[in-house]
Amino acid sequence: MIFDLIGFHKFFITMMNAIGVWLVLVVFLSNRDKRESKLFMLMTLSMIGWTNFALFARLIENPQLSLIILKIAWFVTPPFFLFIYLFTIRLVHISEKVKTLIRSFVSS
């Protein structure tokens, strides 16, 4: 049973990695200068690092090496949530500008 779960997790993380890298390429290469593109790239890459290191730590048999890899996953976690926060704030700020613009056109 546990091996089936690990196989599922490997498949799921592989798919997540592929979709994440594809989204990073599409978003970042479409507009390299926008801050949102850079934040999205950093957020996605830190998410990929966090999940991959967390899975690798559970797959390795050596407890000392597993702990080191798990500490790397823990180290990547705070920047991941920071990038989520910054990306969300940036998008909300942009949406507020759009709402203000729409209100000005509707009221006139």
C-alpha atoms as a PDB file:
ATOM      1  CA  MET A   1       0.000   0.000   0.000  1.00  0.00           C
ATOM      2  CA  ILE A   2       2.752   2.468   0.907  1.00  0.00           C
ATOM      3  CA  PHE A   3       4.575   1.734  -2.349  1.00  0.00           C
ATOM      4  CA  ASP A   4       1.446   2.565  -4.315  1.00  0.00           C
ATOM      5  CA  LEU A   5       1.229   5.917  -2.533  1.00  0.00           C
ATOM      6  CA  ILE A   6       4.885   6.698  -3.216  1.00  0.00           C
ATOM      7  CA  GLY A   7       4.387   5.784  -6.882  1.00  0.00           C
ATOM      8  CA  PHE A   8       1.378   8.091  -7.022  1.00  0.00           C
ATOM      9  CA  HIS A   9       3.345  10.881  -5.360  1.00  0.00           C
ATOM     10  CA  LYS A  10       6.218  10.461  -7.834  1.00  0.00           C
ATOM     11  CA  PHE A  11       3.779  10.690 -10.736  1.00  0.00           C
ATOM     12  CA  PHE A  12       1.956  13.654  -9.231  1.00  0.00           C
ATOM     13  CA  ILE A  13       5.168  15.573  -8.489  1.00  0.00           C
ATOM     14  CA  THR A  14       6.537  14.803 -11.959  1.00  0.00           C
ATOM     15  CA  MET A  15       3.363  16.207 -13.510  1.00  0.00           C
ATOM     16  CA  MET A  16       3.485  19.218 -11.191  1.00  0.00           C
ATOM     17  CA  ASN A  17       7.107  19.852 -12.172  1.00  0.00           C
ATOM     18  CA  ALA A  18       6.329  19.618 -15.881  1.00  0.00           C
ATOM     19  CA  ILE A  19       3.303  21.926 -15.651  1.00  0.00           C
ATOM     20  CA  GLY A  20       5.171  24.347 -13.379  1.00  0.00           C
ATOM     21  CA  VAL A  21       8.170  24.602 -15.704  1.00  0.00           C
ATOM     22  CA  TRP A  22       5.855  25.013 -18.703  1.00  0.00           C
ATOM     23  CA  LEU A  23       3.910  27.799 -16.949  1.00  0.00           C
ATOM     24  CA  VAL A  24       7.141  29.535 -15.915  1.00  0.00           C
ATOM     25  CA  LEU A  25       8.357  29.460 -19.513  1.00  0.00           C
ATOM     26  CA  VAL A  26       5.057  30.735 -20.899  1.00  0.00           C
ATOM     27  CA  VAL A  27       4.580  33.498 -18.321  1.00  0.00           C
ATOM     28  CA  PHE A  28       8.180  34.637 -17.993  1.00  0.00           C
ATOM     29  CA  LEU A  29       9.060  34.526 -21.689  1.00  0.00           C
ATOM     30  CA  SER A  30       5.867  36.350 -22.662  1.00  0.00           C
ATOM     31  CA  ASN A  31       6.843  39.384 -20.602  1.00  0.00           C
ATOM     32  CA  ARG A  32      10.261  39.324 -18.958  1.00  0.00           C
ATOM     33  CA  ASP A  33      10.164  42.875 -17.643  1.00  0.00           C
ATOM     34  CA  LYS A  34       7.001  42.655 -15.551  1.00  0.00           C
ATOM     35  CA  ARG A  35       7.471  42.167 -11.852  1.00  0.00           C
ATOM     36  CA  GLU A  36       4.530  39.746 -11.739  1.00  0.00           C
ATOM     37  CA  SER A  37       6.291  37.429 -14.187  1.00  0.00           C
ATOM     38  CA  LYS A  38       9.427  37.389 -12.053  1.00  0.00           C
ATOM     39  CA  LEU A  39       7.441  36.781  -8.846  1.00  0.00           C
ATOM     40  CA  PHE A  40       5.478  33.999 -10.536  1.00  0.00           C
ATOM     41  CA  MET A  41       8.725  32.394 -11.695  1.00  0.00           C
ATOM     42  CA  LEU A  42      10.273  32.581  -8.217  1.00  0.00           C
ATOM     43  CA  MET A  43       7.099  31.296  -6.576  1.00  0.00           C
ATOM     44  CA  THR A  44       6.804  28.334  -8.937  1.00  0.00           C
ATOM     45  CA  LEU A  45      10.478  27.375  -8.798  1.00  0.00           C
ATOM     46  CA  SER A  46      10.507  27.519  -4.996  1.00  0.00           C
ATOM     47  CA  MET A  47       7.361  25.357  -4.929  1.00  0.00           C
ATOM     48  CA  ILE A  48       9.053  22.811  -7.197  1.00  0.00           C
ATOM     49  CA  GLY A  49      12.154  22.827  -4.998  1.00  0.00           C
ATOM     50  CA  TRP A  50      10.127  22.440  -1.808  1.00  0.00           C
ATOM     51  CA  THR A  51       8.059  19.496  -3.031  1.00  0.00           C
ATOM     52  CA  ASN A  52      10.961  17.723  -4.744  1.00  0.00           C
ATOM     53  CA  PHE A  53      13.274  17.927  -1.753  1.00  0.00           C
ATOM     54  CA  ALA A  54      10.471  16.800   0.571  1.00  0.00           C
ATOM     55  CA  LEU A  55       9.852  13.755  -1.631  1.00  0.00           C
ATOM     56  CA  PHE A  56      13.569  12.970  -2.055  1.00  0.00           C
ATOM     57  CA  ALA A  57      14.013  13.028   1.722  1.00  0.00           C
ATOM     58  CA  ARG A  58      11.394  10.324   2.076  1.00  0.00           C
ATOM     59  CA  LEU A  59      12.808   8.140  -0.704  1.00  0.00           C
ATOM     60  CA  ILE A  60      16.391   7.992   0.562  1.00  0.00           C
ATOM     61  CA  GLU A  61      17.268   5.161   2.923  1.00  0.00           C
ATOM     62  CA  ASN A  62      20.183   6.930   4.672  1.00  0.00           C
ATOM     63  CA  PRO A  63      18.737   8.826   7.687  1.00  0.00           C
ATOM     64  CA  GLN A  64      21.527  11.419   7.854  1.00  0.00           C
ATOM     65  CA  LEU A  65      21.284  12.281   4.146  1.00  0.00           C
ATOM     66  CA  SER A  66      17.512  12.248   4.355  1.00  0.00           C
ATOM     67  CA  LEU A  67      17.605  14.753   7.210  1.00  0.00           C
ATOM     68  CA  ILE A  68      19.945  17.063   5.267  1.00  0.00           C
ATOM     69  CA  ILE A  69      17.638  16.980   2.245  1.00  0.00           C
ATOM     70  CA  LEU A  70      14.621  17.582   4.470  1.00  0.00           C
ATOM     71  CA  LYS A  71      16.373  20.610   5.987  1.00  0.00           C
ATOM     72  CA  ILE A  72      16.844  21.964   2.457  1.00  0.00           C
ATOM     73  CA  ALA A  73      13.098  21.528   1.907  1.00  0.00           C
ATOM     74  CA  TRP A  74      12.438  23.391   5.168  1.00  0.00           C
ATOM     75  CA  PHE A  75      14.818  26.147   4.071  1.00  0.00           C
ATOM     76  CA  VAL A  76      12.930  26.604   0.783  1.00  0.00           C
ATOM     77  CA  THR A  77       9.510  26.778   2.458  1.00  0.00           C
ATOM     78  CA  PRO A  78       9.618  30.359   3.866  1.00  0.00           C
ATOM     79  CA  PRO A  79      10.712  31.937   0.551  1.00  0.00           C
ATOM     80  CA  PHE A  80       7.920  30.008  -1.187  1.00  0.00           C
ATOM     81  CA  PHE A  81       5.283  31.536   1.088  1.00  0.00           C
ATOM     82  CA  LEU A  82       6.930  34.942   0.824  1.00  0.00           C
ATOM     83  CA  PHE A  83       6.717  34.778  -2.981  1.00  0.00           C
ATOM     84  CA  ILE A  84       3.060  33.693  -2.751  1.00  0.00           C
ATOM     85  CA  TYR A  85       2.377  36.700  -0.524  1.00  0.00           C
ATOM     86  CA  LEU A  86       4.232  39.157  -2.778  1.00  0.00           C
ATOM     87  CA  PHE A  87       2.625  37.755  -5.928  1.00  0.00           C
ATOM     88  CA  THR A  88      -0.853  37.973  -4.394  1.00  0.00           C
ATOM     89  CA  ILE A  89      -0.312  41.526  -3.151  1.00  0.00           C
ATOM     90  CA  ARG A  90       0.944  42.535  -6.585  1.00  0.00           C
ATOM     91  CA  LEU A  91      -2.081  41.014  -8.317  1.00  0.00           C
ATOM     92  CA  VAL A  92      -4.543  42.581  -5.855  1.00  0.00           C
ATOM     93  CA  HIS A  93      -2.861  45.943  -6.339  1.00  0.00           C
ATOM     94  CA  ILE A  94      -3.206  45.614 -10.109  1.00  0.00           C
ATOM     95  CA  SER A  95      -6.827  44.512  -9.849  1.00  0.00           C
ATOM     96  CA  GLU A  96      -7.608  47.565  -7.684  1.00  0.00           C
ATOM     97  CA  LYS A  97      -6.262  49.807 -10.461  1.00  0.00           C
ATOM     98  CA  VAL A  98      -8.469  48.008 -12.969  1.00  0.00           C
ATOM     99  CA  LYS A  99     -11.521  48.322 -10.696  1.00  0.00           C
ATOM    100  CA  THR A 100     -10.871  52.040 -10.299  1.00  0.00           C
ATOM    101  CA  LEU A 101     -10.498  52.438 -14.050  1.00  0.00           C
ATOM    102  CA  ILE A 102     -13.728  50.522 -14.697  1.00  0.00           C
ATOM    103  CA  ARG A 103     -15.605  52.575 -12.084  1.00  0.00           C
ATOM    104  CA  SER A 104     -14.416  55.814 -13.698  1.00  0.00           C
ATOM    105  CA  PHE A 105     -15.687  54.696 -17.116  1.00  0.00           C
ATOM    106  CA  VAL A 106     -19.011  53.412 -15.789  1.00  0.00           C
ATOM    107  CA  SER A 107     -19.761  56.513 -13.727  1.00  0.00           C
ATOM    108  CA  SER A 108     -19.059  58.938 -16.574  1.00  0.00           C
END
